[in-house]
């Protein structure tokens, strides 16, 4: 996982802790590839 994805993972976790849904958060990042989304989702499941 790249450094940029690690930073984004922290942002996504914080937003999810505040009650936002993952799908809604990912809509704010339209340039993410399918592989990047899969990596984020896998990291969040740990």
PDB file of N, CA and C in Angstrom:
ATOM      1  N   UNK A   1       0.855  -1.171   0.000  1.00  0.00           N
ATOM      2  CA  UNK A   1       0.000   0.000   0.000  1.00  0.00           C
ATOM      3  C   UNK A   1       0.901   1.235   0.000  1.00  0.00           C
ATOM      4  N   UNK A   2       0.589   2.157  -0.875  1.00  0.00           N
ATOM      5  CA  UNK A   2       1.391   3.372  -0.991  1.00  0.00           C
ATOM      6  C   UNK A   2       1.124   4.313   0.190  1.00  0.00           C
ATOM      7  N   UNK A   3       1.979   5.273   0.333  1.00  0.00           N
ATOM      8  CA  UNK A   3       1.825   6.241   1.413  1.00  0.00           C
ATOM      9  C   UNK A   3       0.527   7.025   1.264  1.00  0.00           C
ATOM     10  N   UNK A   4       0.193   7.393   0.050  1.00  0.00           N
ATOM     11  CA  UNK A   4      -1.049   8.145  -0.191  1.00  0.00           C
ATOM     12  C   UNK A   4      -2.267   7.320   0.219  1.00  0.00           C
ATOM     13  N   UNK A   5      -2.240   6.023  -0.055  1.00  0.00           N
ATOM     14  CA  UNK A   5      -3.366   5.173   0.332  1.00  0.00           C
ATOM     15  C   UNK A   5      -3.426   4.995   1.844  1.00  0.00           C
ATOM     16  N   UNK A   6      -2.287   4.963   2.498  1.00  0.00           N
ATOM     17  CA  UNK A   6      -2.272   4.851   3.958  1.00  0.00           C
ATOM     18  C   UNK A   6      -2.885   6.085   4.598  1.00  0.00           C
ATOM     19  N   UNK A   7      -2.576   7.252   4.047  1.00  0.00           N
ATOM     20  CA  UNK A   7      -3.164   8.494   4.555  1.00  0.00           C
ATOM     21  C   UNK A   7      -4.666   8.489   4.309  1.00  0.00           C
ATOM     22  N   UNK A   8      -5.068   8.078   3.113  1.00  0.00           N
ATOM     23  CA  UNK A   8      -6.494   8.018   2.787  1.00  0.00           C
ATOM     24  C   UNK A   8      -7.208   7.025   3.692  1.00  0.00           C
ATOM     25  N   UNK A   9      -6.566   5.926   4.025  1.00  0.00           N
ATOM     26  CA  UNK A   9      -7.158   4.940   4.920  1.00  0.00           C
ATOM     27  C   UNK A   9      -7.460   5.558   6.281  1.00  0.00           C
ATOM     28  N   UNK A  10      -6.542   6.367   6.785  1.00  0.00           N
ATOM     29  CA  UNK A  10      -6.786   7.042   8.063  1.00  0.00           C
ATOM     30  C   UNK A  10      -7.968   7.996   7.968  1.00  0.00           C
ATOM     31  N   UNK A  11      -8.051   8.711   6.860  1.00  0.00           N
ATOM     32  CA  UNK A  11      -9.167   9.645   6.649  1.00  0.00           C
ATOM     33  C   UNK A  11     -10.487   8.882   6.592  1.00  0.00           C
ATOM     34  N   UNK A  12     -10.506   7.786   5.845  1.00  0.00           N
ATOM     35  CA  UNK A  12     -11.722   6.990   5.702  1.00  0.00           C
ATOM     36  C   UNK A  12     -12.145   6.424   7.052  1.00  0.00           C
ATOM     37  N   UNK A  13     -11.186   5.917   7.832  1.00  0.00           N
ATOM     38  CA  UNK A  13     -11.523   5.377   9.160  1.00  0.00           C
ATOM     39  C   UNK A  13     -12.133   6.443  10.050  1.00  0.00           C
ATOM     40  N   UNK A  14     -11.570   7.636  10.031  1.00  0.00           N
ATOM     41  CA  UNK A  14     -12.111   8.726  10.860  1.00  0.00           C
ATOM     42  C   UNK A  14     -13.525   9.085  10.429  1.00  0.00           C
ATOM     43  N   UNK A  15     -13.744   9.150   9.132  1.00  0.00           N
ATOM     44  CA  UNK A  15     -15.079   9.499   8.644  1.00  0.00           C
ATOM     45  C   UNK A  15     -16.091   8.409   8.982  1.00  0.00           C
ATOM     46  N   UNK A  16     -15.658   7.149   8.924  1.00  0.00           N
ATOM     47  CA  UNK A  16     -16.552   6.050   9.279  1.00  0.00           C
ATOM     48  C   UNK A  16     -16.858   6.079  10.776  1.00  0.00           C
ATOM     49  N   UNK A  17     -15.880   6.447  11.597  1.00  0.00           N
ATOM     50  CA  UNK A  17     -16.102   6.571  13.040  1.00  0.00           C
ATOM     51  C   UNK A  17     -17.128   7.653  13.348  1.00  0.00           C
ATOM     52  N   UNK A  18     -17.219   8.630  12.472  1.00  0.00           N
ATOM     53  CA  UNK A  18     -18.193   9.715  12.649  1.00  0.00           C
ATOM     54  C   UNK A  18     -19.562   9.353  12.104  1.00  0.00           C
ATOM     55  N   UNK A  19     -19.685   8.141  11.539  1.00  0.00           N
ATOM     56  CA  UNK A  19     -20.996   7.668  11.119  1.00  0.00           C
ATOM     57  C   UNK A  19     -21.254   7.655   9.627  1.00  0.00           C
ATOM     58  N   UNK A  20     -20.295   8.024   8.810  1.00  0.00           N
ATOM     59  CA  UNK A  20     -20.508   8.017   7.361  1.00  0.00           C
ATOM     60  C   UNK A  20     -20.359   6.600   6.808  1.00  0.00           C
ATOM     61  N   UNK A  21     -21.089   6.301   5.774  1.00  0.00           N
ATOM     62  CA  UNK A  21     -21.016   4.999   5.116  1.00  0.00           C
ATOM     63  C   UNK A  21     -19.818   4.970   4.167  1.00  0.00           C
ATOM     64  N   UNK A  22     -19.221   3.797   4.028  1.00  0.00           N
ATOM     65  CA  UNK A  22     -18.045   3.656   3.177  1.00  0.00           C
ATOM     66  C   UNK A  22     -18.345   4.046   1.735  1.00  0.00           C
ATOM     67  N   UNK A  23     -19.480   3.621   1.204  1.00  0.00           N
ATOM     68  CA  UNK A  23     -19.822   3.954  -0.187  1.00  0.00           C
ATOM     69  C   UNK A  23     -19.920   5.463  -0.387  1.00  0.00           C
ATOM     70  N   UNK A  24     -20.478   6.156   0.576  1.00  0.00           N
ATOM     71  CA  UNK A  24     -20.601   7.612   0.475  1.00  0.00           C
ATOM     72  C   UNK A  24     -19.231   8.278   0.517  1.00  0.00           C
ATOM     73  N   UNK A  25     -18.351   7.751   1.336  1.00  0.00           N
ATOM     74  CA  UNK A  25     -17.001   8.309   1.429  1.00  0.00           C
ATOM     75  C   UNK A  25     -16.256   8.102   0.120  1.00  0.00           C
ATOM     76  N   UNK A  26     -16.341   6.892  -0.438  1.00  0.00           N
ATOM     77  CA  UNK A  26     -15.608   6.581  -1.664  1.00  0.00           C
ATOM     78  C   UNK A  26     -16.103   7.387  -2.856  1.00  0.00           C
ATOM     79  N   UNK A  27     -17.351   7.843  -2.823  1.00  0.00           N
ATOM     80  CA  UNK A  27     -17.859   8.692  -3.904  1.00  0.00           C
ATOM     81  C   UNK A  27     -17.127  10.034  -3.958  1.00  0.00           C
ATOM     82  N   UNK A  28     -16.548  10.436  -2.833  1.00  0.00           N
ATOM     83  CA  UNK A  28     -15.792  11.689  -2.788  1.00  0.00           C
ATOM     84  C   UNK A  28     -14.418  11.555  -3.434  1.00  0.00           C
ATOM     85  N   UNK A  29     -14.023  10.330  -3.770  1.00  0.00           N
ATOM     86  CA  UNK A  29     -12.708  10.067  -4.363  1.00  0.00           C
ATOM     87  C   UNK A  29     -12.882   9.314  -5.682  1.00  0.00           C
ATOM     88  N   UNK A  30     -13.363   9.987  -6.729  1.00  0.00           N
ATOM     89  CA  UNK A  30     -13.672   9.302  -7.994  1.00  0.00           C
ATOM     90  C   UNK A  30     -12.448   8.807  -8.762  1.00  0.00           C
ATOM     91  N   UNK A  31     -11.268   9.269  -8.422  1.00  0.00           N
ATOM     92  CA  UNK A  31     -10.066   8.859  -9.166  1.00  0.00           C
ATOM     93  C   UNK A  31      -9.459   7.559  -8.645  1.00  0.00           C
ATOM     94  N   UNK A  32     -10.027   6.995  -7.587  1.00  0.00           N
ATOM     95  CA  UNK A  32      -9.516   5.725  -7.075  1.00  0.00           C
ATOM     96  C   UNK A  32      -9.803   4.608  -8.068  1.00  0.00           C
ATOM     97  N   UNK A  33      -8.838   3.733  -8.235  1.00  0.00           N
ATOM     98  CA  UNK A  33      -9.027   2.576  -9.108  1.00  0.00           C
ATOM     99  C   UNK A  33      -9.701   1.452  -8.324  1.00  0.00           C
ATOM    100  N   UNK A  34     -10.140   0.458  -9.040  1.00  0.00           N
ATOM    101  CA  UNK A  34     -10.755  -0.697  -8.399  1.00  0.00           C
ATOM    102  C   UNK A  34      -9.802  -1.400  -7.449  1.00  0.00           C
ATOM    103  N   UNK A  35      -8.540  -1.485  -7.837  1.00  0.00           N
ATOM    104  CA  UNK A  35      -7.532  -2.128  -6.985  1.00  0.00           C
ATOM    105  C   UNK A  35      -7.304  -1.316  -5.708  1.00  0.00           C
ATOM    106  N   UNK A  36      -7.315  -0.004  -5.815  1.00  0.00           N
ATOM    107  CA  UNK A  36      -7.122   0.840  -4.636  1.00  0.00           C
ATOM    108  C   UNK A  36      -8.313   0.723  -3.689  1.00  0.00           C
ATOM    109  N   UNK A  37      -9.505   0.687  -4.251  1.00  0.00           N
ATOM    110  CA  UNK A  37     -10.703   0.513  -3.425  1.00  0.00           C
ATOM    111  C   UNK A  37     -10.670  -0.835  -2.728  1.00  0.00           C
ATOM    112  N   UNK A  38     -10.254  -1.874  -3.452  1.00  0.00           N
ATOM    113  CA  UNK A  38     -10.167  -3.201  -2.853  1.00  0.00           C
ATOM    114  C   UNK A  38      -9.132  -3.228  -1.730  1.00  0.00           C
ATOM    115  N   UNK A  39      -8.013  -2.551  -1.909  1.00  0.00           N
ATOM    116  CA  UNK A  39      -6.982  -2.497  -0.870  1.00  0.00           C
ATOM    117  C   UNK A  39      -7.487  -1.761   0.360  1.00  0.00           C
ATOM    118  N   UNK A  40      -8.202  -0.667   0.161  1.00  0.00           N
ATOM    119  CA  UNK A  40      -8.768   0.085   1.281  1.00  0.00           C
ATOM    120  C   UNK A  40      -9.798  -0.766   2.025  1.00  0.00           C
ATOM    121  N   UNK A  41     -10.661  -1.415   1.277  1.00  0.00           N
ATOM    122  CA  UNK A  41     -11.708  -2.243   1.894  1.00  0.00           C
ATOM    123  C   UNK A  41     -11.086  -3.385   2.685  1.00  0.00           C
ATOM    124  N   UNK A  42     -10.068  -4.022   2.135  1.00  0.00           N
ATOM    125  CA  UNK A  42      -9.390  -5.121   2.832  1.00  0.00           C
ATOM    126  C   UNK A  42      -8.725  -4.627   4.110  1.00  0.00           C
ATOM    127  N   UNK A  43      -8.115  -3.458   4.052  1.00  0.00           N
ATOM    128  CA  UNK A  43      -7.452  -2.908   5.237  1.00  0.00           C
ATOM    129  C   UNK A  43      -8.463  -2.531   6.300  1.00  0.00           C
ATOM    130  N   UNK A  44      -9.634  -2.081   5.898  1.00  0.00           N
ATOM    131  CA  UNK A  44     -10.669  -1.708   6.856  1.00  0.00           C
ATOM    132  C   UNK A  44     -11.277  -2.931   7.538  1.00  0.00           C
ATOM    133  N   UNK A  45     -11.254  -4.063   6.873  1.00  0.00           N
ATOM    134  CA  UNK A  45     -11.822  -5.274   7.444  1.00  0.00           C
ATOM    135  C   UNK A  45     -10.933  -5.903   8.505  1.00  0.00           C
ATOM    136  N   UNK A  46      -9.667  -5.504   8.577  1.00  0.00           N
ATOM    137  CA  UNK A  46      -8.729  -6.057   9.562  1.00  0.00           C
ATOM    138  C   UNK A  46      -9.002  -5.525  10.935  1.00  0.00           C
TER     139      UNK A  46
END
